[in-house]
Amino acid sequence: LDLFADELELHGLPEVDREPWDHLPSE
């Protein structure tokens, strides 16, 4: 859903950049 909202903006949404890509979030 974050990606869906991000795709609606040409340059993305800063609000969805909450997790570094190389960090695997735990439960």
mmCIF file of all heavy atoms, coordinates in Angstrom:
data_MODEL
# 
_entry.id   MODEL 
# 
loop_
_atom_site.group_PDB 
_atom_site.id 
_atom_site.type_symbol 
_atom_site.label_atom_id 
_atom_site.label_alt_id 
_atom_site.label_comp_id 
_atom_site.label_asym_id 
_atom_site.label_entity_id 
_atom_site.label_seq_id 
_atom_site.pdbx_PDB_ins_code 
_atom_site.Cartn_x 
_atom_site.Cartn_y 
_atom_site.Cartn_z 
_atom_site.occupancy 
_atom_site.B_iso_or_equiv 
_atom_site.pdbx_formal_charge 
_atom_site.auth_seq_id 
_atom_site.auth_comp_id 
_atom_site.auth_asym_id 
_atom_site.auth_atom_id 
_atom_site.pdbx_PDB_model_num 
ATOM 1   N N   . LEU A 1 1  ? 0.830  -1.208  0.000   1.00 0.00 ? 1  LEU A N   1 
ATOM 2   C CA  . LEU A 1 1  ? 0.000  0.000   0.000   1.00 0.00 ? 1  LEU A CA  1 
ATOM 3   C C   . LEU A 1 1  ? 0.864  1.257   0.000   1.00 0.00 ? 1  LEU A C   1 
ATOM 4   O O   . LEU A 1 1  ? 0.516  2.270   -0.624  1.00 0.00 ? 1  LEU A O   1 
ATOM 5   C CB  . LEU A 1 1  ? -0.957 -0.011  1.194   1.00 0.00 ? 1  LEU A CB  1 
ATOM 6   C CG  . LEU A 1 1  ? -2.046 -1.098  1.139   1.00 0.00 ? 1  LEU A CG  1 
ATOM 7   C CD1 . LEU A 1 1  ? -2.922 -1.033  2.374   1.00 0.00 ? 1  LEU A CD1 1 
ATOM 8   C CD2 . LEU A 1 1  ? -2.882 -0.971  -0.120  1.00 0.00 ? 1  LEU A CD2 1 
ATOM 9   N N   . ASP A 1 2  ? 1.999  1.196   0.697   1.00 0.00 ? 2  ASP A N   1 
ATOM 10  C CA  . ASP A 1 2  ? 2.946  2.311   0.630   1.00 0.00 ? 2  ASP A CA  1 
ATOM 11  C C   . ASP A 1 2  ? 3.438  2.501   -0.810  1.00 0.00 ? 2  ASP A C   1 
ATOM 12  O O   . ASP A 1 2  ? 3.548  3.623   -1.307  1.00 0.00 ? 2  ASP A O   1 
ATOM 13  C CB  . ASP A 1 2  ? 4.142  2.048   1.542   1.00 0.00 ? 2  ASP A CB  1 
ATOM 14  C CG  . ASP A 1 2  ? 3.839  2.328   3.011   1.00 0.00 ? 2  ASP A CG  1 
ATOM 15  O OD1 . ASP A 1 2  ? 2.765  2.890   3.299   1.00 0.00 ? 2  ASP A OD1 1 
ATOM 16  O OD2 . ASP A 1 2  ? 4.674  1.970   3.861   1.00 0.00 ? 2  ASP A OD2 1 
ATOM 17  N N   . LEU A 1 3  ? 3.744  1.387   -1.472  1.00 0.00 ? 3  LEU A N   1 
ATOM 18  C CA  . LEU A 1 3  ? 4.229  1.454   -2.853  1.00 0.00 ? 3  LEU A CA  1 
ATOM 19  C C   . LEU A 1 3  ? 3.143  1.997   -3.776  1.00 0.00 ? 3  LEU A C   1 
ATOM 20  O O   . LEU A 1 3  ? 3.430  2.781   -4.691  1.00 0.00 ? 3  LEU A O   1 
ATOM 21  C CB  . LEU A 1 3  ? 4.688  0.074   -3.315  1.00 0.00 ? 3  LEU A CB  1 
ATOM 22  C CG  . LEU A 1 3  ? 5.218  -0.021  -4.749  1.00 0.00 ? 3  LEU A CG  1 
ATOM 23  C CD1 . LEU A 1 3  ? 6.448  0.870   -4.932  1.00 0.00 ? 3  LEU A CD1 1 
ATOM 24  C CD2 . LEU A 1 3  ? 5.564  -1.472  -5.104  1.00 0.00 ? 3  LEU A CD2 1 
ATOM 25  N N   . PHE A 1 4  ? 1.904  1.597   -3.544  1.00 0.00 ? 4  PHE A N   1 
ATOM 26  C CA  . PHE A 1 4  ? 0.781  2.116   -4.326  1.00 0.00 ? 4  PHE A CA  1 
ATOM 27  C C   . PHE A 1 4  ? 0.722  3.646   -4.224  1.00 0.00 ? 4  PHE A C   1 
ATOM 28  O O   . PHE A 1 4  ? 0.642  4.351   -5.236  1.00 0.00 ? 4  PHE A O   1 
ATOM 29  C CB  . PHE A 1 4  ? -0.524 1.492   -3.821  1.00 0.00 ? 4  PHE A CB  1 
ATOM 30  C CG  . PHE A 1 4  ? -1.767 2.157   -4.317  1.00 0.00 ? 4  PHE A CG  1 
ATOM 31  C CD1 . PHE A 1 4  ? -2.247 1.895   -5.585  1.00 0.00 ? 4  PHE A CD1 1 
ATOM 32  C CD2 . PHE A 1 4  ? -2.456 3.063   -3.519  1.00 0.00 ? 4  PHE A CD2 1 
ATOM 33  C CE1 . PHE A 1 4  ? -3.403 2.529   -6.057  1.00 0.00 ? 4  PHE A CE1 1 
ATOM 34  C CE2 . PHE A 1 4  ? -3.606 3.700   -3.978  1.00 0.00 ? 4  PHE A CE2 1 
ATOM 35  C CZ  . PHE A 1 4  ? -4.076 3.424   -5.252  1.00 0.00 ? 4  PHE A CZ  1 
ATOM 36  N N   . ALA A 1 5  ? 0.771  4.152   -3.010  1.00 0.00 ? 5  ALA A N   1 
ATOM 37  C CA  . ALA A 1 5  ? 0.729  5.601   -2.818  1.00 0.00 ? 5  ALA A CA  1 
ATOM 38  C C   . ALA A 1 5  ? 1.959  6.263   -3.432  1.00 0.00 ? 5  ALA A C   1 
ATOM 39  O O   . ALA A 1 5  ? 1.875  7.350   -4.008  1.00 0.00 ? 5  ALA A O   1 
ATOM 40  C CB  . ALA A 1 5  ? 0.634  5.922   -1.329  1.00 0.00 ? 5  ALA A CB  1 
ATOM 41  N N   . ASP A 1 6  ? 3.105  5.606   -3.315  1.00 0.00 ? 6  ASP A N   1 
ATOM 42  C CA  . ASP A 1 6  ? 4.356  6.143   -3.846  1.00 0.00 ? 6  ASP A CA  1 
ATOM 43  C C   . ASP A 1 6  ? 4.291  6.265   -5.371  1.00 0.00 ? 6  ASP A C   1 
ATOM 44  O O   . ASP A 1 6  ? 4.791  7.225   -5.956  1.00 0.00 ? 6  ASP A O   1 
ATOM 45  C CB  . ASP A 1 6  ? 5.515  5.223   -3.433  1.00 0.00 ? 6  ASP A CB  1 
ATOM 46  C CG  . ASP A 1 6  ? 6.863  5.899   -3.555  1.00 0.00 ? 6  ASP A CG  1 
ATOM 47  O OD1 . ASP A 1 6  ? 7.115  6.847   -2.796  1.00 0.00 ? 6  ASP A OD1 1 
ATOM 48  O OD2 . ASP A 1 6  ? 7.659  5.476   -4.416  1.00 0.00 ? 6  ASP A OD2 1 
ATOM 49  N N   . GLU A 1 7  ? 3.661  5.282   -6.018  1.00 0.00 ? 7  GLU A N   1 
ATOM 50  C CA  . GLU A 1 7  ? 3.579  5.295   -7.477  1.00 0.00 ? 7  GLU A CA  1 
ATOM 51  C C   . GLU A 1 7  ? 2.703  6.429   -7.994  1.00 0.00 ? 7  GLU A C   1 
ATOM 52  O O   . GLU A 1 7  ? 2.825  6.837   -9.152  1.00 0.00 ? 7  GLU A O   1 
ATOM 53  C CB  . GLU A 1 7  ? 3.022  3.953   -7.981  1.00 0.00 ? 7  GLU A CB  1 
ATOM 54  C CG  . GLU A 1 7  ? 3.991  2.776   -7.881  1.00 0.00 ? 7  GLU A CG  1 
ATOM 55  C CD  . GLU A 1 7  ? 5.049  2.789   -8.965  1.00 0.00 ? 7  GLU A CD  1 
ATOM 56  O OE1 . GLU A 1 7  ? 5.230  3.836   -9.627  1.00 0.00 ? 7  GLU A OE1 1 
ATOM 57  O OE2 . GLU A 1 7  ? 5.721  1.757   -9.136  1.00 0.00 ? 7  GLU A OE2 1 
ATOM 58  N N   . LEU A 1 8  ? 1.826  6.945   -7.157  1.00 0.00 ? 8  LEU A N   1 
ATOM 59  C CA  . LEU A 1 8  ? 0.963  8.042   -7.591  1.00 0.00 ? 8  LEU A CA  1 
ATOM 60  C C   . LEU A 1 8  ? 1.708  9.368   -7.681  1.00 0.00 ? 8  LEU A C   1 
ATOM 61  O O   . LEU A 1 8  ? 1.181  10.344  -8.202  1.00 0.00 ? 8  LEU A O   1 
ATOM 62  C CB  . LEU A 1 8  ? -0.229 8.197   -6.637  1.00 0.00 ? 8  LEU A CB  1 
ATOM 63  C CG  . LEU A 1 8  ? -1.272 7.076   -6.708  1.00 0.00 ? 8  LEU A CG  1 
ATOM 64  C CD1 . LEU A 1 8  ? -2.318 7.259   -5.620  1.00 0.00 ? 8  LEU A CD1 1 
ATOM 65  C CD2 . LEU A 1 8  ? -1.926 7.031   -8.076  1.00 0.00 ? 8  LEU A CD2 1 
ATOM 66  N N   . GLU A 1 9  ? 2.930  9.402   -7.157  1.00 0.00 ? 9  GLU A N   1 
ATOM 67  C CA  . GLU A 1 9  ? 3.747  10.611  -7.206  1.00 0.00 ? 9  GLU A CA  1 
ATOM 68  C C   . GLU A 1 9  ? 4.964  10.362  -8.088  1.00 0.00 ? 9  GLU A C   1 
ATOM 69  O O   . GLU A 1 9  ? 5.655  9.351   -7.921  1.00 0.00 ? 9  GLU A O   1 
ATOM 70  C CB  . GLU A 1 9  ? 4.200  11.013  -5.804  1.00 0.00 ? 9  GLU A CB  1 
ATOM 71  C CG  . GLU A 1 9  ? 3.053  11.317  -4.849  1.00 0.00 ? 9  GLU A CG  1 
ATOM 72  C CD  . GLU A 1 9  ? 2.317  12.587  -5.226  1.00 0.00 ? 9  GLU A CD  1 
ATOM 73  O OE1 . GLU A 1 9  ? 2.927  13.459  -5.881  1.00 0.00 ? 9  GLU A OE1 1 
ATOM 74  O OE2 . GLU A 1 9  ? 1.132  12.697  -4.870  1.00 0.00 ? 9  GLU A OE2 1 
ATOM 75  N N   . LEU A 1 10 ? 5.224  11.264  -9.017  1.00 0.00 ? 10 LEU A N   1 
ATOM 76  C CA  . LEU A 1 10 ? 6.350  11.084  -9.931  1.00 0.00 ? 10 LEU A CA  1 
ATOM 77  C C   . LEU A 1 10 ? 7.655  10.870  -9.181  1.00 0.00 ? 10 LEU A C   1 
ATOM 78  O O   . LEU A 1 10 ? 8.495  10.062  -9.580  1.00 0.00 ? 10 LEU A O   1 
ATOM 79  C CB  . LEU A 1 10 ? 6.484  12.296  -10.853 1.00 0.00 ? 10 LEU A CB  1 
ATOM 80  C CG  . LEU A 1 10 ? 5.520  12.357  -12.043 1.00 0.00 ? 10 LEU A CG  1 
ATOM 81  C CD1 . LEU A 1 10 ? 5.700  13.664  -12.783 1.00 0.00 ? 10 LEU A CD1 1 
ATOM 82  C CD2 . LEU A 1 10 ? 5.735  11.180  -12.980 1.00 0.00 ? 10 LEU A CD2 1 
ATOM 83  N N   . HIS A 1 11 ? 7.851  11.608  -8.099  1.00 0.00 ? 11 HIS A N   1 
ATOM 84  C CA  . HIS A 1 11 ? 9.115  11.535  -7.371  1.00 0.00 ? 11 HIS A CA  1 
ATOM 85  C C   . HIS A 1 11 ? 8.967  10.862  -6.015  1.00 0.00 ? 11 HIS A C   1 
ATOM 86  O O   . HIS A 1 11 ? 9.858  10.958  -5.171  1.00 0.00 ? 11 HIS A O   1 
ATOM 87  C CB  . HIS A 1 11 ? 9.705  12.939  -7.215  1.00 0.00 ? 11 HIS A CB  1 
ATOM 88  C CG  . HIS A 1 11 ? 9.909  13.645  -8.519  1.00 0.00 ? 11 HIS A CG  1 
ATOM 89  N ND1 . HIS A 1 11 ? 10.814 13.195  -9.459  1.00 0.00 ? 11 HIS A ND1 1 
ATOM 90  C CD2 . HIS A 1 11 ? 9.301  14.724  -9.063  1.00 0.00 ? 11 HIS A CD2 1 
ATOM 91  C CE1 . HIS A 1 11 ? 10.761 13.995  -10.525 1.00 0.00 ? 11 HIS A CE1 1 
ATOM 92  N NE2 . HIS A 1 11 ? 9.860  14.922  -10.312 1.00 0.00 ? 11 HIS A NE2 1 
ATOM 93  N N   . GLY A 1 12 ? 7.844  10.181  -5.799  1.00 0.00 ? 12 GLY A N   1 
ATOM 94  C CA  . GLY A 1 12 ? 7.676  9.403   -4.577  1.00 0.00 ? 12 GLY A CA  1 
ATOM 95  C C   . GLY A 1 12 ? 7.213  10.236  -3.395  1.00 0.00 ? 12 GLY A C   1 
ATOM 96  O O   . GLY A 1 12 ? 7.135  11.462  -3.448  1.00 0.00 ? 12 GLY A O   1 
ATOM 97  N N   . LEU A 1 13 ? 6.904  9.525   -2.320  1.00 0.00 ? 13 LEU A N   1 
ATOM 98  C CA  . LEU A 1 13 ? 6.439  10.153  -1.082  1.00 0.00 ? 13 LEU A CA  1 
ATOM 99  C C   . LEU A 1 13 ? 7.477  9.968   0.015   1.00 0.00 ? 13 LEU A C   1 
ATOM 100 O O   . LEU A 1 13 ? 7.858  8.838   0.321   1.00 0.00 ? 13 LEU A O   1 
ATOM 101 C CB  . LEU A 1 13 ? 5.118  9.508   -0.626  1.00 0.00 ? 13 LEU A CB  1 
ATOM 102 C CG  . LEU A 1 13 ? 3.874  9.819   -1.460  1.00 0.00 ? 13 LEU A CG  1 
ATOM 103 C CD1 . LEU A 1 13 ? 2.728  8.940   -1.004  1.00 0.00 ? 13 LEU A CD1 1 
ATOM 104 C CD2 . LEU A 1 13 ? 3.507  11.286  -1.338  1.00 0.00 ? 13 LEU A CD2 1 
ATOM 105 N N   . PRO A 1 14 ? 7.941  11.031  0.635   1.00 0.00 ? 14 PRO A N   1 
ATOM 106 C CA  . PRO A 1 14 ? 8.916  10.886  1.725   1.00 0.00 ? 14 PRO A CA  1 
ATOM 107 C C   . PRO A 1 14 ? 8.366  10.065  2.885   1.00 0.00 ? 14 PRO A C   1 
ATOM 108 O O   . PRO A 1 14 ? 9.111  9.401   3.595   1.00 0.00 ? 14 PRO A O   1 
ATOM 109 C CB  . PRO A 1 14 ? 9.206  12.316  2.161   1.00 0.00 ? 14 PRO A CB  1 
ATOM 110 C CG  . PRO A 1 14 ? 8.561  13.215  1.185   1.00 0.00 ? 14 PRO A CG  1 
ATOM 111 C CD  . PRO A 1 14 ? 7.627  12.434  0.337   1.00 0.00 ? 14 PRO A CD  1 
ATOM 112 N N   . GLU A 1 15 ? 7.029  10.082  3.073   1.00 0.00 ? 15 GLU A N   1 
ATOM 113 C CA  . GLU A 1 15 ? 6.440  9.390   4.228   1.00 0.00 ? 15 GLU A CA  1 
ATOM 114 C C   . GLU A 1 15 ? 6.618  7.878   4.172   1.00 0.00 ? 15 GLU A C   1 
ATOM 115 O O   . GLU A 1 15 ? 6.531  7.195   5.187   1.00 0.00 ? 15 GLU A O   1 
ATOM 116 C CB  . GLU A 1 15 ? 4.943  9.710   4.329   1.00 0.00 ? 15 GLU A CB  1 
ATOM 117 C CG  . GLU A 1 15 ? 4.599  11.183  4.467   1.00 0.00 ? 15 GLU A CG  1 
ATOM 118 C CD  . GLU A 1 15 ? 4.502  11.862  3.108   1.00 0.00 ? 15 GLU A CD  1 
ATOM 119 O OE1 . GLU A 1 15 ? 3.939  11.287  2.159   1.00 0.00 ? 15 GLU A OE1 1 
ATOM 120 O OE2 . GLU A 1 15 ? 5.045  12.974  2.998   1.00 0.00 ? 15 GLU A OE2 1 
ATOM 121 N N   . VAL A 1 16 ? 6.851  7.327   2.966   1.00 0.00 ? 16 VAL A N   1 
ATOM 122 C CA  . VAL A 1 16 ? 6.965  5.872   2.868   1.00 0.00 ? 16 VAL A CA  1 
ATOM 123 C C   . VAL A 1 16 ? 8.406  5.401   3.053   1.00 0.00 ? 16 VAL A C   1 
ATOM 124 O O   . VAL A 1 16 ? 8.664  4.206   3.111   1.00 0.00 ? 16 VAL A O   1 
ATOM 125 C CB  . VAL A 1 16 ? 6.415  5.351   1.521   1.00 0.00 ? 16 VAL A CB  1 
ATOM 126 C CG1 . VAL A 1 16 ? 4.986  5.798   1.319   1.00 0.00 ? 16 VAL A CG1 1 
ATOM 127 C CG2 . VAL A 1 16 ? 7.298  5.777   0.361   1.00 0.00 ? 16 VAL A CG2 1 
ATOM 128 N N   . ASP A 1 17 ? 9.344  6.336   3.133   1.00 0.00 ? 17 ASP A N   1 
ATOM 129 C CA  . ASP A 1 17 ? 10.752 5.958   3.271   1.00 0.00 ? 17 ASP A CA  1 
ATOM 130 C C   . ASP A 1 17 ? 11.101 5.732   4.735   1.00 0.00 ? 17 ASP A C   1 
ATOM 131 O O   . ASP A 1 17 ? 11.968 6.398   5.303   1.00 0.00 ? 17 ASP A O   1 
ATOM 132 C CB  . ASP A 1 17 ? 11.661 7.042   2.671   1.00 0.00 ? 17 ASP A CB  1 
ATOM 133 C CG  . ASP A 1 17 ? 11.676 6.982   1.155   1.00 0.00 ? 17 ASP A CG  1 
ATOM 134 O OD1 . ASP A 1 17 ? 11.382 5.909   0.613   1.00 0.00 ? 17 ASP A OD1 1 
ATOM 135 O OD2 . ASP A 1 17 ? 11.985 8.000   0.534   1.00 0.00 ? 17 ASP A OD2 1 
ATOM 136 N N   . ARG A 1 18 ? 10.451 4.765   5.363   1.00 0.00 ? 18 ARG A N   1 
ATOM 137 C CA  . ARG A 1 18 ? 10.648 4.564   6.800   1.00 0.00 ? 18 ARG A CA  1 
ATOM 138 C C   . ARG A 1 18 ? 11.575 3.405   7.122   1.00 0.00 ? 18 ARG A C   1 
ATOM 139 O O   . ARG A 1 18 ? 12.124 3.339   8.202   1.00 0.00 ? 18 ARG A O   1 
ATOM 140 C CB  . ARG A 1 18 ? 9.291  4.342   7.480   1.00 0.00 ? 18 ARG A CB  1 
ATOM 141 C CG  . ARG A 1 18 ? 8.437  3.251   6.836   1.00 0.00 ? 18 ARG A CG  1 
ATOM 142 C CD  . ARG A 1 18 ? 7.091  3.125   7.500   1.00 0.00 ? 18 ARG A CD  1 
ATOM 143 N NE  . ARG A 1 18 ? 6.190  2.260   6.748   1.00 0.00 ? 18 ARG A NE  1 
ATOM 144 C CZ  . ARG A 1 18 ? 4.975  1.934   7.148   1.00 0.00 ? 18 ARG A CZ  1 
ATOM 145 N NH1 . ARG A 1 18 ? 4.525  2.388   8.293   1.00 0.00 ? 18 ARG A NH1 1 
ATOM 146 N NH2 . ARG A 1 18 ? 4.202  1.173   6.416   1.00 0.00 ? 18 ARG A NH2 1 
ATOM 147 N N   . GLU A 1 19 ? 11.755 2.454   6.209   1.00 0.00 ? 19 GLU A N   1 
ATOM 148 C CA  . GLU A 1 19 ? 12.575 1.276   6.495   1.00 0.00 ? 19 GLU A CA  1 
ATOM 149 C C   . GLU A 1 19 ? 13.710 1.163   5.483   1.00 0.00 ? 19 GLU A C   1 
ATOM 150 O O   . GLU A 1 19 ? 13.451 1.059   4.279   1.00 0.00 ? 19 GLU A O   1 
ATOM 151 C CB  . GLU A 1 19 ? 11.722 -0.002  6.446   1.00 0.00 ? 19 GLU A CB  1 
ATOM 152 C CG  . GLU A 1 19 ? 10.672 -0.072  7.544   1.00 0.00 ? 19 GLU A CG  1 
ATOM 153 C CD  . GLU A 1 19 ? 9.769  -1.293  7.380   1.00 0.00 ? 19 GLU A CD  1 
ATOM 154 O OE1 . GLU A 1 19 ? 9.786  -1.902  6.293   1.00 0.00 ? 19 GLU A OE1 1 
ATOM 155 O OE2 . GLU A 1 19 ? 9.053  -1.626  8.327   1.00 0.00 ? 19 GLU A OE2 1 
ATOM 156 N N   . PRO A 1 20 ? 14.971 1.189   5.921   1.00 0.00 ? 20 PRO A N   1 
ATOM 157 C CA  . PRO A 1 20 ? 16.086 0.977   4.986   1.00 0.00 ? 20 PRO A CA  1 
ATOM 158 C C   . PRO A 1 20 ? 15.920 -0.346  4.253   1.00 0.00 ? 20 PRO A C   1 
ATOM 159 O O   . PRO A 1 20 ? 15.497 -1.341  4.835   1.00 0.00 ? 20 PRO A O   1 
ATOM 160 C CB  . PRO A 1 20 ? 17.319 0.968   5.900   1.00 0.00 ? 20 PRO A CB  1 
ATOM 161 C CG  . PRO A 1 20 ? 16.889 1.708   7.123   1.00 0.00 ? 20 PRO A CG  1 
ATOM 162 C CD  . PRO A 1 20 ? 15.432 1.413   7.297   1.00 0.00 ? 20 PRO A CD  1 
ATOM 163 N N   . TRP A 1 21 ? 16.286 -0.352  2.985   1.00 0.00 ? 21 TRP A N   1 
ATOM 164 C CA  . TRP A 1 21 ? 15.992 -1.528  2.160   1.00 0.00 ? 21 TRP A CA  1 
ATOM 165 C C   . TRP A 1 21 ? 16.718 -2.782  2.634   1.00 0.00 ? 21 TRP A C   1 
ATOM 166 O O   . TRP A 1 21 ? 16.240 -3.899  2.436   1.00 0.00 ? 21 TRP A O   1 
ATOM 167 C CB  . TRP A 1 21 ? 16.327 -1.236  0.690   1.00 0.00 ? 21 TRP A CB  1 
ATOM 168 C CG  . TRP A 1 21 ? 17.806 -1.235  0.376   1.00 0.00 ? 21 TRP A CG  1 
ATOM 169 C CD1 . TRP A 1 21 ? 18.616 -0.155  0.317   1.00 0.00 ? 21 TRP A CD1 1 
ATOM 170 C CD2 . TRP A 1 21 ? 18.621 -2.357  0.050   1.00 0.00 ? 21 TRP A CD2 1 
ATOM 171 N NE1 . TRP A 1 21 ? 19.897 -0.519  -0.009  1.00 0.00 ? 21 TRP A NE1 1 
ATOM 172 C CE2 . TRP A 1 21 ? 19.926 -1.876  -0.182  1.00 0.00 ? 21 TRP A CE2 1 
ATOM 173 C CE3 . TRP A 1 21 ? 18.404 -3.726  -0.066  1.00 0.00 ? 21 TRP A CE3 1 
ATOM 174 C CZ2 . TRP A 1 21 ? 20.986 -2.707  -0.520  1.00 0.00 ? 21 TRP A CZ2 1 
ATOM 175 C CZ3 . TRP A 1 21 ? 19.459 -4.560  -0.405  1.00 0.00 ? 21 TRP A CZ3 1 
ATOM 176 C CH2 . TRP A 1 21 ? 20.733 -4.048  -0.630  1.00 0.00 ? 21 TRP A CH2 1 
ATOM 177 N N   . ASP A 1 22 ? 17.899 -2.621  3.272   1.00 0.00 ? 22 ASP A N   1 
ATOM 178 C CA  . ASP A 1 22 ? 18.658 -3.805  3.679   1.00 0.00 ? 22 ASP A CA  1 
ATOM 179 C C   . ASP A 1 22 ? 18.387 -4.199  5.129   1.00 0.00 ? 22 ASP A C   1 
ATOM 180 O O   . ASP A 1 22 ? 19.130 -4.988  5.710   1.00 0.00 ? 22 ASP A O   1 
ATOM 181 C CB  . ASP A 1 22 ? 20.155 -3.586  3.461   1.00 0.00 ? 22 ASP A CB  1 
ATOM 182 C CG  . ASP A 1 22 ? 20.689 -2.373  4.193   1.00 0.00 ? 22 ASP A CG  1 
ATOM 183 O OD1 . ASP A 1 22 ? 19.873 -1.607  4.741   1.00 0.00 ? 22 ASP A OD1 1 
ATOM 184 O OD2 . ASP A 1 22 ? 21.911 -2.188  4.212   1.00 0.00 ? 22 ASP A OD2 1 
ATOM 185 N N   . HIS A 1 23 ? 17.320 -3.653  5.715   1.00 0.00 ? 23 HIS A N   1 
ATOM 186 C CA  . HIS A 1 23 ? 16.916 -4.060  7.059   1.00 0.00 ? 23 HIS A CA  1 
ATOM 187 C C   . HIS A 1 23 ? 15.676 -4.935  6.952   1.00 0.00 ? 23 HIS A C   1 
ATOM 188 O O   . HIS A 1 23 ? 14.657 -4.522  6.386   1.00 0.00 ? 23 HIS A O   1 
ATOM 189 C CB  . HIS A 1 23 ? 16.613 -2.838  7.929   1.00 0.00 ? 23 HIS A CB  1 
ATOM 190 C CG  . HIS A 1 23 ? 15.953 -3.177  9.234   1.00 0.00 ? 23 HIS A CG  1 
ATOM 191 N ND1 . HIS A 1 23 ? 16.578 -3.897  10.222  1.00 0.00 ? 23 HIS A ND1 1 
ATOM 192 C CD2 . HIS A 1 23 ? 14.698 -2.907  9.698   1.00 0.00 ? 23 HIS A CD2 1 
ATOM 193 C CE1 . HIS A 1 23 ? 15.758 -4.044  11.245  1.00 0.00 ? 23 HIS A CE1 1 
ATOM 194 N NE2 . HIS A 1 23 ? 14.604 -3.462  10.951  1.00 0.00 ? 23 HIS A NE2 1 
ATOM 195 N N   . LEU A 1 24 ? 15.757 -6.137  7.480   1.00 0.00 ? 24 LEU A N   1 
ATOM 196 C CA  . LEU A 1 24 ? 14.627 -7.062  7.448   1.00 0.00 ? 24 LEU A CA  1 
ATOM 197 C C   . LEU A 1 24 ? 13.831 -6.892  8.737   1.00 0.00 ? 24 LEU A C   1 
ATOM 198 O O   . LEU A 1 24 ? 14.284 -7.301  9.808   1.00 0.00 ? 24 LEU A O   1 
ATOM 199 C CB  . LEU A 1 24 ? 15.115 -8.504  7.315   1.00 0.00 ? 24 LEU A CB  1 
ATOM 200 C CG  . LEU A 1 24 ? 14.024 -9.583  7.249   1.00 0.00 ? 24 LEU A CG  1 
ATOM 201 C CD1 . LEU A 1 24 ? 13.140 -9.366  6.033   1.00 0.00 ? 24 LEU A CD1 1 
ATOM 202 C CD2 . LEU A 1 24 ? 14.654 -10.976 7.216   1.00 0.00 ? 24 LEU A CD2 1 
ATOM 203 N N   . PRO A 1 25 ? 12.648 -6.254  8.685   1.00 0.00 ? 25 PRO A N   1 
ATOM 204 C CA  . PRO A 1 25 ? 11.900 -6.015  9.917   1.00 0.00 ? 25 PRO A CA  1 
ATOM 205 C C   . PRO A 1 25 ? 11.376 -7.312  10.520  1.00 0.00 ? 25 PRO A C   1 
ATOM 206 O O   . PRO A 1 25 ? 10.905 -8.198  9.810   1.00 0.00 ? 25 PRO A O   1 
ATOM 207 C CB  . PRO A 1 25 ? 10.748 -5.113  9.449   1.00 0.00 ? 25 PRO A CB  1 
ATOM 208 C CG  . PRO A 1 25 ? 10.598 -5.391  7.993   1.00 0.00 ? 25 PRO A CG  1 
ATOM 209 C CD  . PRO A 1 25 ? 11.964 -5.735  7.496   1.00 0.00 ? 25 PRO A CD  1 
ATOM 210 N N   . SER A 1 26 ? 11.473 -7.405  11.843  1.00 0.00 ? 26 SER A N   1 
ATOM 211 C CA  . SER A 1 26 ? 10.953 -8.573  12.556  1.00 0.00 ? 26 SER A CA  1 
ATOM 212 C C   . SER A 1 26 ? 9.449  -8.422  12.754  1.00 0.00 ? 26 SER A C   1 
ATOM 213 O O   . SER A 1 26 ? 8.860  -7.377  12.491  1.00 0.00 ? 26 SER A O   1 
ATOM 214 C CB  . SER A 1 26 ? 11.645 -8.705  13.913  1.00 0.00 ? 26 SER A CB  1 
ATOM 215 O OG  . SER A 1 26 ? 11.308 -7.599  14.735  1.00 0.00 ? 26 SER A OG  1 
ATOM 216 N N   . GLU A 1 27 ? 8.818  -9.486  13.259  1.00 0.00 ? 27 GLU A N   1 
ATOM 217 C CA  . GLU A 1 27 ? 7.389  -9.413  13.552  1.00 0.00 ? 27 GLU A CA  1 
ATOM 218 C C   . GLU A 1 27 ? 7.114  -8.345  14.603  1.00 0.00 ? 27 GLU A C   1 
ATOM 219 O O   . GLU A 1 27 ? 6.121  -7.614  14.523  1.00 0.00 ? 27 GLU A O   1 
ATOM 220 C CB  . GLU A 1 27 ? 6.892  -10.770 14.036  1.00 0.00 ? 27 GLU A CB  1 
ATOM 221 C CG  . GLU A 1 27 ? 5.385  -10.849 14.224  1.00 0.00 ? 27 GLU A CG  1 
ATOM 222 C CD  . GLU A 1 27 ? 4.614  -10.621 12.925  1.00 0.00 ? 27 GLU A CD  1 
ATOM 223 O OE1 . GLU A 1 27 ? 5.129  -10.964 11.851  1.00 0.00 ? 27 GLU A OE1 1 
ATOM 224 O OE2 . GLU A 1 27 ? 3.504  -10.064 12.993  1.00 0.00 ? 27 GLU A OE2 1 
# 
